[in-house]
Protein backbone atom coordinates (compact mmCIF):
# COMPACT_ATOMS: atom_id res chain seq x y z
CA MET A 1 0.17 -0.04 -0.18
CA SER A 2 1.11 3.78 -0.78
CA PRO A 3 2.27 5.41 2.06
CA ILE A 4 -0.34 8.44 1.26
CA PHE A 5 -2.69 5.73 2.02
CA ARG A 6 -1.04 4.69 5.34
CA ARG A 7 -3.05 6.14 8.14
CA LYS A 8 -0.61 7.11 11.02
CA ALA A 9 -1.56 5.82 14.68
CA PRO A 10 -3.05 8.57 16.67
CA ALA A 11 -0.70 10.13 19.33
CA PRO A 12 -1.03 8.95 22.77
CA GLN A 13 -3.14 11.86 25.01
CA GLU A 14 -2.02 13.19 27.92
CA PRO A 15 -4.63 12.91 30.76
CA ALA A 16 -5.87 16.02 31.86
CA ALA A 17 -4.63 18.17 34.71
CA ARG A 18 -6.83 17.13 37.79
CA LEU A 19 -8.03 19.92 40.68
CA VAL A 20 -9.03 19.70 43.34
CA THR A 21 -10.72 22.33 45.24
CA LEU A 22 -11.91 22.20 49.16
CA ILE A 23 -14.64 24.76 50.13
CA ARG A 24 -14.00 25.60 53.83
CA LYS A 25 -14.42 28.27 56.47
CA PRO A 26 -11.77 29.52 59.43
CA GLY A 27 -12.43 27.47 62.40
CA CYS A 28 -14.16 24.75 61.07
CA HIS A 29 -12.40 21.61 62.78
CA LEU A 30 -14.18 19.34 59.93
CA CYS A 31 -12.17 21.55 57.40
CA ASP A 32 -8.79 21.55 58.95
CA ASP A 33 -9.84 17.45 59.00
CA ALA A 34 -10.54 17.51 55.00
CA GLN A 35 -7.48 19.85 54.80
CA THR A 36 -5.02 17.17 55.80
CA VAL A 37 -6.83 13.86 53.55
CA VAL A 38 -6.42 16.46 50.60
CA GLU A 39 -3.04 17.66 51.43
CA LYS A 40 -2.01 13.87 51.21
CA VAL A 41 -3.75 12.47 48.72
CA CYS A 42 -3.31 15.19 46.37
CA GLY A 43 0.51 15.24 47.75
CA GLU A 44 0.96 11.81 46.99
CA LEU A 45 -0.79 11.78 43.92
CA GLY A 46 0.76 15.20 41.87
CA VAL A 47 -2.61 16.73 41.95
CA ALA A 48 -2.97 20.41 42.04
CA TRP A 49 -5.88 21.45 44.58
CA GLU A 50 -6.63 24.70 45.83
CA GLU A 51 -8.88 26.09 48.76
CA LYS A 52 -11.60 28.77 48.92
CA ASP A 53 -13.07 30.29 51.91
CA ILE A 54 -16.97 30.64 52.08
CA SER A 55 -17.07 33.50 54.63
CA ARG A 56 -15.25 35.64 51.61
CA ASP A 57 -17.48 34.89 48.50
CA GLY A 58 -20.89 35.23 49.09
CA ALA A 59 -22.21 33.08 46.08
CA LEU A 60 -19.78 29.81 47.22
CA HIS A 61 -21.44 30.64 50.88
CA ASP A 62 -25.01 30.77 49.49
CA GLN A 63 -24.62 27.41 47.39
CA TYR A 64 -22.41 25.60 50.13
CA TRP A 65 -23.24 26.61 53.59
CA GLU A 66 -24.59 23.62 54.91
CA GLN A 67 -22.36 21.38 53.04
CA ILE A 68 -18.89 22.47 54.51
CA PRO A 69 -16.31 20.92 54.12
CA VAL A 70 -16.87 20.34 50.96
CA VAL A 71 -14.90 18.63 48.12
CA LEU A 72 -14.97 19.83 44.47
CA VAL A 73 -13.07 17.29 41.75
CA ASP A 74 -12.55 19.02 38.65
CA GLY A 75 -15.41 20.99 39.37
CA ARG A 76 -18.05 18.86 40.36
CA GLN A 77 -18.80 17.65 43.77
CA HIS A 78 -17.41 15.10 45.05
CA THR A 79 -18.30 14.71 49.12
CA PHE A 80 -18.56 16.62 52.04
CA TRP A 81 -18.66 16.82 55.26
CA ARG A 82 -16.07 14.03 55.64
CA VAL A 83 -13.67 13.29 53.04
CA ASN A 84 -12.67 9.67 52.47
CA GLU A 85 -9.33 9.10 51.35
CA GLU A 86 -9.50 5.64 49.68
CA ARG A 87 -12.78 7.38 47.72
CA LEU A 88 -10.52 10.70 46.90
CA ARG A 89 -7.46 8.41 45.54
CA LYS A 90 -10.05 6.74 43.34
CA ALA A 91 -12.03 9.95 41.68
CA LEU A 92 -8.40 11.03 41.15
CA THR A 93 -6.88 8.16 39.34
CA ASP A 94 -9.69 6.71 37.68
CA GLN A 95 -9.36 6.78 33.70
CA TYR A 96 -12.79 8.20 32.79
CA LYS A 97 -13.48 10.72 35.10
C-alpha cells in the first residue's frame, strides 16, 4: 500500500490535569480534617489543589454553607462533611472521570 494511504496511529493523549478544590471556612474542625486528607492524597498523586473560603465568597456561601467542608474534583462536587481518603484517591486515579 502506498504511504499516502497509510494512516498514522494517533498520538497518545496526555491525561487532563486534575484539580481538587476544598471549600471551607475559618475555625471549622471538619475543614481542617478535610484539608489534611486533601493535602495527603493530592501530594502523593501530584494533583493540584486549592482552597476557597466561603466567608469571602457570597456565592459559595449561599451554595455550600450547610455542607462545608465541600470537596470538588475538576469543578464537580465529590463529597462534603467528611473526606474519605480512598474514595478521593479513586476519583483522582479513575481514567474515565
